[in-house]
Amino acid sequence: MKTLALIFISTAFVACGDKENDTATEETGNVFSFDATDDLANPGGCSDFLFFDHNADDSTLLELRGEGLAEAAHESGEAISFTYDIAELPEDIRLLIKFGTNLSHELCNDAPYQEVIVDDSFIPVNGTLTLTVTPDGAMGESSATLEVGLQNSDFCADIGNGETHHENCFHVDSYAATALIGWLPG
């Protein structure tokens, strides 16, 4: 019986020890890859500016908020681009990825009727964000097309007040989508 217990304990320590080829972890902690371009295929937007993209069952959502992009494009009369180092995003731009239920339902919807449940929220800690906004007037005087590009970014769990849990992260190699902004829902 002691031999069986000794074998069990030895096996448990070996199974729980470090693994050289463990694909779930990298040097930065629990980082895994998330293919935002394949998973998110329903971009939308409104206001000046709210951009979002979600998966088919609305359980994963990329949300990007800021101020004045459509207005700036209309004032310039042409497409304008901005490229940001995500570690130094202006305070008025907020980017996050959420996991939950009915996540996009209340965005640009003036008559919500489904409960939105956010299970987890992740904020970017590095990478590059590129925004290109082009005035178009398709949905009123101030509407514009917003192209969003995200490259080589790690998103980590938001634990409040802009702080992140650096062992609960995922990586986005690249993401690109386009949506109409600058129109008022309702």
N, C-alpha and C. Protein backbone atom coordinates (compact mmCIF):
# COMPACT_ATOMS: atom_id res chain seq x y z
N MET A 1 0.82 -1.18 0.00
CA MET A 1 0.00 0.00 0.00
C MET A 1 0.87 1.26 0.00
N LYS A 2 2.01 1.22 0.80
CA LYS A 2 2.90 2.38 0.82
C LYS A 2 3.52 2.60 -0.54
N THR A 3 3.83 1.52 -1.24
CA THR A 3 4.43 1.64 -2.57
C THR A 3 3.45 2.31 -3.53
N LEU A 4 2.18 1.94 -3.49
CA LEU A 4 1.16 2.52 -4.34
C LEU A 4 1.01 4.02 -4.04
N ALA A 5 0.99 4.39 -2.78
CA ALA A 5 0.88 5.80 -2.39
C ALA A 5 2.10 6.58 -2.86
N LEU A 6 3.28 6.00 -2.74
CA LEU A 6 4.51 6.65 -3.17
C LEU A 6 4.52 6.87 -4.68
N ILE A 7 4.04 5.89 -5.43
CA ILE A 7 3.96 6.03 -6.89
C ILE A 7 2.96 7.12 -7.25
N PHE A 8 1.82 7.17 -6.59
CA PHE A 8 0.79 8.18 -6.86
C PHE A 8 1.33 9.59 -6.57
N ILE A 9 1.98 9.79 -5.46
CA ILE A 9 2.52 11.10 -5.09
C ILE A 9 3.61 11.51 -6.08
N SER A 10 4.49 10.60 -6.47
CA SER A 10 5.55 10.91 -7.44
C SER A 10 4.95 11.30 -8.78
N THR A 11 3.92 10.58 -9.22
CA THR A 11 3.27 10.88 -10.48
C THR A 11 2.60 12.25 -10.43
N ALA A 12 1.99 12.60 -9.31
CA ALA A 12 1.32 13.89 -9.17
C ALA A 12 2.32 15.03 -9.29
N PHE A 13 3.50 14.90 -8.66
CA PHE A 13 4.51 15.95 -8.74
C PHE A 13 5.04 16.10 -10.16
N VAL A 14 5.24 15.00 -10.86
CA VAL A 14 5.73 15.06 -12.23
C VAL A 14 4.68 15.69 -13.13
N ALA A 15 3.41 15.34 -12.96
CA ALA A 15 2.34 15.88 -13.80
C ALA A 15 2.15 17.37 -13.58
N CYS A 16 2.40 17.85 -12.38
CA CYS A 16 2.19 19.27 -12.09
C CYS A 16 3.44 20.11 -12.27
N GLY A 17 4.56 19.50 -12.58
CA GLY A 17 5.80 20.25 -12.73
C GLY A 17 5.85 21.04 -14.02
N ASP A 18 6.93 21.80 -14.21
CA ASP A 18 7.11 22.59 -15.42
C ASP A 18 7.22 21.69 -16.63
N LYS A 19 6.63 22.16 -17.73
CA LYS A 19 6.70 21.43 -18.98
C LYS A 19 7.38 22.31 -19.99
N GLU A 20 8.35 21.78 -20.70
CA GLU A 20 9.07 22.56 -21.69
C GLU A 20 8.21 22.94 -22.87
N ASN A 21 7.26 22.11 -23.26
CA ASN A 21 6.46 22.37 -24.44
C ASN A 21 5.02 22.71 -24.10
N ASP A 22 4.77 23.35 -22.99
CA ASP A 22 3.42 23.73 -22.59
C ASP A 22 2.95 24.87 -23.47
N THR A 23 1.94 24.63 -24.32
CA THR A 23 1.48 25.65 -25.27
C THR A 23 0.52 26.65 -24.64
N ALA A 24 0.03 26.42 -23.45
CA ALA A 24 -0.92 27.35 -22.83
C ALA A 24 -0.22 28.54 -22.18
N THR A 25 1.07 28.44 -21.94
CA THR A 25 1.75 29.55 -21.31
C THR A 25 2.95 29.98 -22.12
N GLU A 26 3.31 31.23 -21.97
CA GLU A 26 4.50 31.78 -22.58
C GLU A 26 5.26 32.52 -21.50
N GLU A 27 6.34 33.17 -21.87
CA GLU A 27 7.16 33.87 -20.89
C GLU A 27 6.39 34.95 -20.14
N THR A 28 5.37 35.54 -20.76
CA THR A 28 4.64 36.64 -20.14
C THR A 28 3.49 36.16 -19.27
N GLY A 29 3.34 34.89 -19.06
CA GLY A 29 2.24 34.40 -18.23
C GLY A 29 1.29 33.55 -19.05
N ASN A 30 0.02 33.64 -18.75
CA ASN A 30 -1.00 32.82 -19.37
C ASN A 30 -1.51 33.45 -20.66
N VAL A 31 -0.66 33.70 -21.61
CA VAL A 31 -1.04 34.37 -22.85
C VAL A 31 -1.42 33.33 -23.88
N PHE A 32 -2.61 33.48 -24.47
CA PHE A 32 -3.00 32.62 -25.56
C PHE A 32 -3.42 33.50 -26.73
N SER A 33 -3.48 32.94 -27.92
CA SER A 33 -3.78 33.73 -29.11
C SER A 33 -5.28 33.74 -29.36
N PHE A 34 -5.80 34.88 -29.78
CA PHE A 34 -7.21 35.06 -30.08
C PHE A 34 -7.29 35.66 -31.47
N ASP A 35 -7.92 34.99 -32.41
CA ASP A 35 -8.00 35.48 -33.78
C ASP A 35 -9.23 36.35 -33.93
N ALA A 36 -9.08 37.63 -33.65
CA ALA A 36 -10.21 38.56 -33.66
C ALA A 36 -10.83 38.69 -35.05
N THR A 37 -10.04 38.66 -36.10
CA THR A 37 -10.57 38.83 -37.45
C THR A 37 -11.46 37.65 -37.84
N ASP A 38 -11.10 36.44 -37.46
CA ASP A 38 -11.94 35.28 -37.76
C ASP A 38 -13.15 35.19 -36.84
N ASP A 39 -12.98 35.49 -35.57
CA ASP A 39 -14.06 35.33 -34.60
C ASP A 39 -15.09 36.47 -34.66
N LEU A 40 -14.64 37.67 -34.93
CA LEU A 40 -15.51 38.84 -34.96
C LEU A 40 -15.80 39.21 -36.41
N ALA A 41 -17.07 39.16 -36.81
CA ALA A 41 -17.39 39.40 -38.21
C ALA A 41 -18.65 40.24 -38.38
N ASN A 42 -19.00 41.03 -37.37
CA ASN A 42 -20.22 41.83 -37.41
C ASN A 42 -19.95 43.25 -36.93
N PRO A 43 -19.13 44.02 -37.66
CA PRO A 43 -18.81 45.37 -37.19
C PRO A 43 -20.00 46.32 -37.29
N GLY A 44 -20.03 47.27 -36.38
CA GLY A 44 -21.08 48.29 -36.39
C GLY A 44 -20.55 49.53 -35.69
N GLY A 45 -21.35 50.57 -35.71
CA GLY A 45 -20.94 51.79 -35.05
C GLY A 45 -22.04 52.82 -35.07
N CYS A 46 -21.82 53.90 -34.35
CA CYS A 46 -22.73 55.04 -34.31
C CYS A 46 -22.03 56.15 -33.54
N SER A 47 -22.73 57.21 -33.30
CA SER A 47 -22.22 58.34 -32.52
C SER A 47 -20.86 58.80 -33.06
N ASP A 48 -20.21 59.66 -32.32
CA ASP A 48 -18.91 60.17 -32.77
C ASP A 48 -17.87 60.01 -31.66
N PHE A 49 -17.37 58.87 -31.32
CA PHE A 49 -17.53 57.65 -32.07
C PHE A 49 -17.65 56.45 -31.17
N LEU A 50 -18.44 55.48 -31.62
CA LEU A 50 -18.54 54.15 -31.03
C LEU A 50 -18.39 53.15 -32.16
N PHE A 51 -17.39 52.29 -32.06
CA PHE A 51 -17.16 51.20 -33.00
C PHE A 51 -17.21 49.91 -32.21
N PHE A 52 -17.84 48.88 -32.77
CA PHE A 52 -17.84 47.57 -32.12
C PHE A 52 -17.89 46.48 -33.17
N ASP A 53 -17.48 45.30 -32.76
CA ASP A 53 -17.52 44.12 -33.62
C ASP A 53 -17.78 42.93 -32.70
N HIS A 54 -18.64 42.02 -33.14
CA HIS A 54 -18.97 40.88 -32.29
C HIS A 54 -19.06 39.61 -33.11
N ASN A 55 -19.04 38.48 -32.41
CA ASN A 55 -19.16 37.18 -33.07
C ASN A 55 -20.64 36.87 -33.31
N ALA A 56 -20.92 35.75 -33.98
CA ALA A 56 -22.27 35.41 -34.40
C ALA A 56 -23.26 35.29 -33.25
N ASP A 57 -22.83 34.72 -32.11
CA ASP A 57 -23.78 34.57 -31.00
C ASP A 57 -23.68 35.69 -29.98
N ASP A 58 -22.96 36.75 -30.30
CA ASP A 58 -22.86 37.97 -29.48
C ASP A 58 -22.28 37.68 -28.09
N SER A 59 -21.35 36.72 -28.03
CA SER A 59 -20.71 36.38 -26.76
C SER A 59 -19.29 36.93 -26.64
N THR A 60 -18.77 37.48 -27.75
CA THR A 60 -17.45 38.13 -27.76
C THR A 60 -17.61 39.46 -28.46
N LEU A 61 -17.05 40.51 -27.87
CA LEU A 61 -17.23 41.86 -28.41
C LEU A 61 -15.96 42.67 -28.28
N LEU A 62 -15.55 43.32 -29.38
CA LEU A 62 -14.50 44.32 -29.34
C LEU A 62 -15.22 45.66 -29.35
N GLU A 63 -14.89 46.53 -28.40
CA GLU A 63 -15.54 47.83 -28.29
C GLU A 63 -14.48 48.93 -28.26
N LEU A 64 -14.70 49.95 -29.08
CA LEU A 64 -13.78 51.08 -29.18
C LEU A 64 -14.61 52.36 -29.12
N ARG A 65 -14.27 53.23 -28.16
CA ARG A 65 -15.00 54.49 -28.00
C ARG A 65 -14.03 55.66 -27.98
N GLY A 66 -14.51 56.78 -28.45
CA GLY A 66 -13.73 58.01 -28.41
C GLY A 66 -14.61 59.19 -28.74
N GLU A 67 -13.99 60.30 -29.10
CA GLU A 67 -14.76 61.51 -29.37
C GLU A 67 -14.24 62.22 -30.61
N GLY A 68 -15.18 62.71 -31.43
CA GLY A 68 -14.89 63.66 -32.47
C GLY A 68 -14.25 63.19 -33.75
N LEU A 69 -14.15 61.89 -34.01
CA LEU A 69 -13.50 61.44 -35.25
C LEU A 69 -14.29 61.80 -36.50
N ALA A 70 -15.59 61.53 -36.51
CA ALA A 70 -16.40 61.85 -37.68
C ALA A 70 -16.40 63.35 -37.93
N GLU A 71 -16.51 64.12 -36.87
CA GLU A 71 -16.48 65.58 -37.00
C GLU A 71 -15.15 66.05 -37.59
N ALA A 72 -14.04 65.50 -37.12
CA ALA A 72 -12.72 65.87 -37.63
C ALA A 72 -12.60 65.54 -39.11
N ALA A 73 -13.13 64.39 -39.53
CA ALA A 73 -13.07 64.01 -40.94
C ALA A 73 -13.88 64.97 -41.80
N HIS A 74 -15.06 65.36 -41.33
CA HIS A 74 -15.88 66.29 -42.09
C HIS A 74 -15.25 67.67 -42.15
N GLU A 75 -14.61 68.10 -41.06
CA GLU A 75 -13.93 69.40 -41.07
C GLU A 75 -12.75 69.40 -42.04
N SER A 76 -12.04 68.28 -42.15
CA SER A 76 -10.90 68.21 -43.08
C SER A 76 -11.36 68.02 -44.52
N GLY A 77 -12.54 67.43 -44.69
CA GLY A 77 -13.05 67.19 -46.03
C GLY A 77 -12.44 65.98 -46.72
N GLU A 78 -11.63 65.23 -46.00
CA GLU A 78 -10.98 64.05 -46.59
C GLU A 78 -10.66 63.03 -45.50
N ALA A 79 -10.20 61.87 -45.92
CA ALA A 79 -9.82 60.82 -44.97
C ALA A 79 -8.65 61.28 -44.13
N ILE A 80 -8.72 60.96 -42.84
CA ILE A 80 -7.61 61.24 -41.93
C ILE A 80 -7.28 59.97 -41.16
N SER A 81 -6.01 59.79 -40.84
CA SER A 81 -5.56 58.59 -40.13
C SER A 81 -4.80 58.97 -38.87
N PHE A 82 -4.95 58.10 -37.88
CA PHE A 82 -4.25 58.23 -36.62
C PHE A 82 -3.67 56.87 -36.28
N THR A 83 -2.42 56.84 -35.84
CA THR A 83 -1.79 55.61 -35.39
C THR A 83 -1.32 55.83 -33.96
N TYR A 84 -1.70 54.92 -33.08
CA TYR A 84 -1.39 55.03 -31.66
C TYR A 84 -0.60 53.83 -31.16
N ASP A 85 0.37 54.09 -30.32
CA ASP A 85 0.98 53.04 -29.51
C ASP A 85 -0.03 52.80 -28.39
N ILE A 86 -0.54 51.60 -28.28
CA ILE A 86 -1.61 51.33 -27.32
C ILE A 86 -1.20 51.64 -25.89
N ALA A 87 0.05 51.49 -25.56
CA ALA A 87 0.51 51.81 -24.20
C ALA A 87 0.36 53.30 -23.90
N GLU A 88 0.18 54.11 -24.95
CA GLU A 88 0.07 55.56 -24.77
C GLU A 88 -1.21 56.11 -25.40
N LEU A 89 -2.31 55.35 -25.36
CA LEU A 89 -3.57 55.82 -25.92
C LEU A 89 -4.04 57.08 -25.20
N PRO A 90 -4.59 58.04 -25.94
CA PRO A 90 -5.18 59.21 -25.27
C PRO A 90 -6.29 58.77 -24.32
N GLU A 91 -6.51 59.53 -23.28
CA GLU A 91 -7.52 59.17 -22.27
C GLU A 91 -8.92 59.10 -22.83
N ASP A 92 -9.22 59.83 -23.92
CA ASP A 92 -10.57 59.82 -24.46
C ASP A 92 -10.85 58.63 -25.39
N ILE A 93 -9.86 57.77 -25.62
CA ILE A 93 -10.07 56.57 -26.43
C ILE A 93 -10.03 55.35 -25.51
N ARG A 94 -11.07 54.55 -25.61
CA ARG A 94 -11.19 53.36 -24.75
C ARG A 94 -11.39 52.14 -25.65
N LEU A 95 -10.52 51.15 -25.51
CA LEU A 95 -10.56 49.92 -26.29
C LEU A 95 -10.63 48.75 -25.31
N LEU A 96 -11.53 47.81 -25.55
CA LEU A 96 -11.61 46.61 -24.72
C LEU A 96 -12.27 45.48 -25.47
N ILE A 97 -12.07 44.28 -24.98
CA ILE A 97 -12.73 43.09 -25.50
C ILE A 97 -13.46 42.45 -24.33
N LYS A 98 -14.74 42.13 -24.56
CA LYS A 98 -15.60 41.55 -23.53
C LYS A 98 -16.05 40.15 -23.94
N PHE A 99 -16.32 39.34 -22.94
CA PHE A 99 -16.91 38.02 -23.14
C PHE A 99 -18.15 37.95 -22.26
N GLY A 100 -19.25 37.41 -22.79
CA GLY A 100 -20.49 37.33 -22.01
C GLY A 100 -21.67 36.95 -22.90
N THR A 101 -22.82 37.64 -22.67
CA THR A 101 -24.07 37.33 -23.36
C THR A 101 -24.73 38.62 -23.84
N ASN A 102 -25.22 38.63 -25.06
CA ASN A 102 -25.93 39.79 -25.65
C ASN A 102 -25.09 41.06 -25.59
N LEU A 103 -23.81 40.97 -25.84
CA LEU A 103 -22.89 42.06 -25.57
C LEU A 103 -23.10 43.31 -26.42
N SER A 104 -23.52 43.16 -27.66
CA SER A 104 -23.69 44.35 -28.51
C SER A 104 -25.10 44.89 -28.49
N HIS A 105 -25.97 44.25 -27.76
CA HIS A 105 -27.39 44.57 -27.83
C HIS A 105 -27.71 46.03 -27.50
N GLU A 106 -27.09 46.60 -26.50
CA GLU A 106 -27.42 47.97 -26.10
C GLU A 106 -26.62 49.02 -26.87
N LEU A 107 -25.62 48.62 -27.64
CA LEU A 107 -24.81 49.57 -28.38
C LEU A 107 -25.59 50.04 -29.60
N CYS A 108 -25.74 51.34 -29.76
CA CYS A 108 -26.47 51.95 -30.88
C CYS A 108 -27.92 51.49 -30.93
N ASN A 109 -28.47 51.06 -29.84
CA ASN A 109 -29.85 50.58 -29.78
C ASN A 109 -30.60 51.45 -28.78
N ASP A 110 -31.57 52.21 -29.24
CA ASP A 110 -32.29 53.10 -28.34
C ASP A 110 -33.47 52.42 -27.64
N ALA A 111 -33.70 51.13 -27.94
CA ALA A 111 -34.79 50.41 -27.29
C ALA A 111 -34.33 49.01 -26.90
N PRO A 112 -33.38 48.91 -25.96
CA PRO A 112 -32.88 47.58 -25.58
C PRO A 112 -33.97 46.74 -24.90
N TYR A 113 -33.96 45.45 -25.19
CA TYR A 113 -34.94 44.55 -24.59
C TYR A 113 -34.33 43.24 -24.12
N GLN A 114 -33.02 43.09 -24.22
CA GLN A 114 -32.34 41.89 -23.74
C GLN A 114 -31.32 42.28 -22.68
N GLU A 115 -31.15 41.40 -21.72
CA GLU A 115 -30.17 41.65 -20.67
C GLU A 115 -28.76 41.42 -21.20
N VAL A 116 -27.86 42.38 -20.95
CA VAL A 116 -26.47 42.26 -21.33
C VAL A 116 -25.69 41.76 -20.11
N ILE A 117 -24.94 40.68 -20.29
CA ILE A 117 -24.16 40.10 -19.20
C ILE A 117 -22.69 40.09 -19.62
N VAL A 118 -21.84 40.77 -18.85
CA VAL A 118 -20.41 40.79 -19.11
C VAL A 118 -19.74 39.87 -18.09
N ASP A 119 -19.15 38.77 -18.59
CA ASP A 119 -18.46 37.82 -17.72
C ASP A 119 -17.02 38.24 -17.48
N ASP A 120 -16.33 38.69 -18.54
CA ASP A 120 -14.93 39.09 -18.45
C ASP A 120 -14.69 40.28 -19.37
N SER A 121 -13.78 41.14 -18.96
CA SER A 121 -13.40 42.30 -19.75
C SER A 121 -11.88 42.38 -19.79
N PHE A 122 -11.33 42.60 -20.98
CA PHE A 122 -9.89 42.65 -21.18
C PHE A 122 -9.51 43.96 -21.85
N ILE A 123 -8.42 44.59 -21.37
CA ILE A 123 -7.96 45.84 -21.96
C ILE A 123 -6.57 45.64 -22.56
N PRO A 124 -6.24 46.41 -23.61
CA PRO A 124 -4.95 46.22 -24.25
C PRO A 124 -3.83 46.82 -23.42
N VAL A 125 -2.67 46.16 -23.46
CA VAL A 125 -1.50 46.66 -22.73
C VAL A 125 -0.36 47.04 -23.66
N ASN A 126 -0.44 46.64 -24.92
CA ASN A 126 0.58 46.99 -25.90
C ASN A 126 0.04 46.80 -27.30
N GLY A 127 0.84 47.13 -28.30
CA GLY A 127 0.44 46.97 -29.68
C GLY A 127 0.21 48.30 -30.35
N THR A 128 -0.38 48.24 -31.54
CA THR A 128 -0.63 49.44 -32.34
C THR A 128 -2.09 49.48 -32.77
N LEU A 129 -2.71 50.65 -32.64
CA LEU A 129 -4.08 50.89 -33.07
C LEU A 129 -4.04 51.94 -34.17
N THR A 130 -4.64 51.62 -35.32
CA THR A 130 -4.71 52.56 -36.43
C THR A 130 -6.18 52.84 -36.74
N LEU A 131 -6.52 54.12 -36.82
CA LEU A 131 -7.88 54.55 -37.14
C LEU A 131 -7.82 55.41 -38.39
N THR A 132 -8.63 55.06 -39.39
CA THR A 132 -8.76 55.89 -40.59
C THR A 132 -10.23 56.21 -40.75
N VAL A 133 -10.55 57.48 -40.75
CA VAL A 133 -11.94 57.91 -40.83
C VAL A 133 -12.13 58.76 -42.09
N THR A 134 -13.20 58.43 -42.84
CA THR A 134 -13.48 59.08 -44.11
C THR A 134 -14.91 59.63 -44.08
N PRO A 135 -15.10 60.93 -44.31
CA PRO A 135 -16.46 61.47 -44.33
C PRO A 135 -17.24 60.88 -45.50
N ASP A 136 -18.53 60.52 -45.27
CA ASP A 136 -19.30 59.99 -46.40
C ASP A 136 -20.74 60.49 -46.46
N GLY A 137 -21.34 60.88 -45.35
CA GLY A 137 -22.69 61.42 -45.38
C GLY A 137 -23.78 60.42 -45.70
N ALA A 138 -23.49 59.12 -45.70
CA ALA A 138 -24.48 58.10 -46.05
C ALA A 138 -25.65 58.03 -45.06
N MET A 139 -25.39 58.37 -43.80
CA MET A 139 -26.44 58.31 -42.77
C MET A 139 -26.63 59.67 -42.13
N GLY A 140 -26.57 60.70 -42.91
CA GLY A 140 -26.74 62.04 -42.37
C GLY A 140 -25.50 62.87 -42.58
N GLU A 141 -25.63 64.10 -42.20
CA GLU A 141 -24.59 65.10 -42.46
C GLU A 141 -23.22 64.77 -41.88
N SER A 142 -23.17 64.11 -40.73
CA SER A 142 -21.87 63.88 -40.09
C SER A 142 -21.41 62.43 -40.06
N SER A 143 -22.05 61.55 -40.83
CA SER A 143 -21.62 60.15 -40.80
C SER A 143 -20.29 59.98 -41.54
N ALA A 144 -19.56 58.97 -41.15
CA ALA A 144 -18.24 58.70 -41.71
C ALA A 144 -17.95 57.20 -41.62
N THR A 145 -17.06 56.74 -42.46
CA THR A 145 -16.61 55.36 -42.42
C THR A 145 -15.34 55.29 -41.57
N LEU A 146 -15.33 54.39 -40.61
CA LEU A 146 -14.17 54.22 -39.74
C LEU A 146 -13.54 52.86 -39.99
N GLU A 147 -12.27 52.86 -40.37
CA GLU A 147 -11.49 51.63 -40.51
C GLU A 147 -10.63 51.49 -39.26
N VAL A 148 -10.72 50.35 -38.62
CA VAL A 148 -9.98 50.08 -37.38
C VAL A 148 -8.97 48.98 -37.66
N GLY A 149 -7.73 49.22 -37.30
CA GLY A 149 -6.68 48.21 -37.43
C GLY A 149 -5.96 48.03 -36.10
N LEU A 150 -5.73 46.80 -35.74
CA LEU A 150 -5.06 46.47 -34.48
C LEU A 150 -3.95 45.49 -34.81
N GLN A 151 -2.72 45.77 -34.35
CA GLN A 151 -1.60 44.90 -34.65
C GLN A 151 -0.81 44.56 -33.39
N ASN A 152 -0.47 43.27 -33.30
CA ASN A 152 0.45 42.77 -32.29
C ASN A 152 0.15 43.28 -30.88
N SER A 153 -1.04 42.97 -30.42
CA SER A 153 -1.51 43.51 -29.14
C SER A 153 -1.84 42.40 -28.14
N ASP A 154 -1.46 42.64 -26.89
CA ASP A 154 -1.86 41.76 -25.80
C ASP A 154 -2.97 42.42 -25.01
N PHE A 155 -4.02 41.66 -24.74
CA PHE A 155 -5.13 42.13 -23.91
C PHE A 155 -5.09 41.34 -22.62
N CYS A 156 -5.17 42.04 -21.49
CA CYS A 156 -5.13 41.38 -20.18
C CYS A 156 -6.39 41.71 -19.40
N ALA A 157 -6.75 40.81 -18.48
CA ALA A 157 -7.97 40.96 -17.70
C ALA A 157 -7.98 42.28 -16.94
N ASP A 158 -9.09 42.99 -17.05
CA ASP A 158 -9.28 44.26 -16.35
C ASP A 158 -9.70 43.95 -14.92
N ILE A 159 -8.89 44.37 -13.95
CA ILE A 159 -9.23 44.13 -12.54
C ILE A 159 -9.69 45.41 -11.86
N GLY A 160 -9.93 46.46 -12.66
CA GLY A 160 -10.47 47.71 -12.14
C GLY A 160 -9.47 48.83 -12.15
N ASN A 161 -9.96 50.05 -12.30
CA ASN A 161 -9.15 51.27 -12.30
C ASN A 161 -8.01 51.23 -13.32
N GLY A 162 -8.23 50.57 -14.45
CA GLY A 162 -7.20 50.50 -15.48
C GLY A 162 -6.08 49.53 -15.18
N GLU A 163 -6.17 48.80 -14.10
CA GLU A 163 -5.16 47.80 -13.73
C GLU A 163 -5.50 46.47 -14.40
N THR A 164 -4.45 45.70 -14.73
CA THR A 164 -4.66 44.43 -15.41
C THR A 164 -4.01 43.28 -14.65
N HIS A 165 -4.52 42.11 -14.90
CA HIS A 165 -3.97 40.87 -14.36
C HIS A 165 -3.09 40.29 -15.47
N HIS A 166 -1.77 40.43 -15.35
CA HIS A 166 -0.85 40.07 -16.43
C HIS A 166 -0.63 38.56 -16.59
N GLU A 167 -1.33 37.76 -15.84
CA GLU A 167 -1.25 36.32 -16.06
C GLU A 167 -2.54 35.78 -16.66
N ASN A 168 -3.46 36.67 -16.99
CA ASN A 168 -4.72 36.30 -17.63
C ASN A 168 -4.86 37.17 -18.87
N CYS A 169 -4.18 36.78 -19.94
CA CYS A 169 -4.07 37.61 -21.15
C CYS A 169 -4.27 36.77 -22.40
N PHE A 170 -4.49 37.45 -23.52
CA PHE A 170 -4.46 36.80 -24.82
C PHE A 170 -3.86 37.76 -25.82
N HIS A 171 -3.40 37.22 -26.94
CA HIS A 171 -2.70 38.00 -27.95
C HIS A 171 -3.54 38.11 -29.22
N VAL A 172 -3.58 39.29 -29.80
CA VAL A 172 -4.22 39.52 -31.09
C VAL A 172 -3.12 39.91 -32.07
N ASP A 173 -2.84 39.03 -33.04
CA ASP A 173 -1.81 39.32 -34.05
C ASP A 173 -2.21 40.51 -34.89
N SER A 174 -3.39 40.42 -35.50
CA SER A 174 -3.88 41.55 -36.29
C SER A 174 -5.40 41.46 -36.40
N TYR A 175 -6.00 42.61 -36.57
CA TYR A 175 -7.45 42.72 -36.69
C TYR A 175 -7.74 43.93 -37.58
N ALA A 176 -8.72 43.82 -38.46
CA ALA A 176 -9.13 44.95 -39.28
C ALA A 176 -10.62 44.83 -39.59
N ALA A 177 -11.33 45.94 -39.49
CA ALA A 177 -12.75 45.98 -39.83
C ALA A 177 -13.15 47.43 -40.09
N THR A 178 -14.29 47.60 -40.73
CA THR A 178 -14.80 48.92 -41.09
C THR A 178 -16.27 49.01 -40.71
N ALA A 179 -16.69 50.18 -40.21
CA ALA A 179 -18.10 50.41 -39.88
C ALA A 179 -18.41 51.89 -40.04
N LEU A 180 -19.68 52.19 -40.10
CA LEU A 180 -20.17 53.55 -40.21
C LEU A 180 -20.33 54.15 -38.82
N ILE A 181 -19.80 55.35 -38.61
CA ILE A 181 -19.95 56.07 -37.35
C ILE A 181 -20.52 57.46 -37.65
N GLY A 182 -20.77 58.25 -36.62
CA GLY A 182 -21.18 59.63 -36.79
C GLY A 182 -22.66 59.82 -37.02
N TRP A 183 -23.45 58.79 -36.87
CA TRP A 183 -24.90 58.91 -36.98
C TRP A 183 -25.51 58.63 -35.62
N LEU A 184 -26.65 59.20 -35.37
CA LEU A 184 -27.30 59.04 -34.07
C LEU A 184 -28.36 57.95 -34.15
N PRO A 185 -28.29 56.98 -33.25
CA PRO A 185 -29.31 55.93 -33.27
C PRO A 185 -30.67 56.48 -32.86
N GLY A 186 -31.72 55.80 -33.26
CA GLY A 186 -33.07 56.23 -32.84
C GLY A 186 -33.90 56.39 -33.98
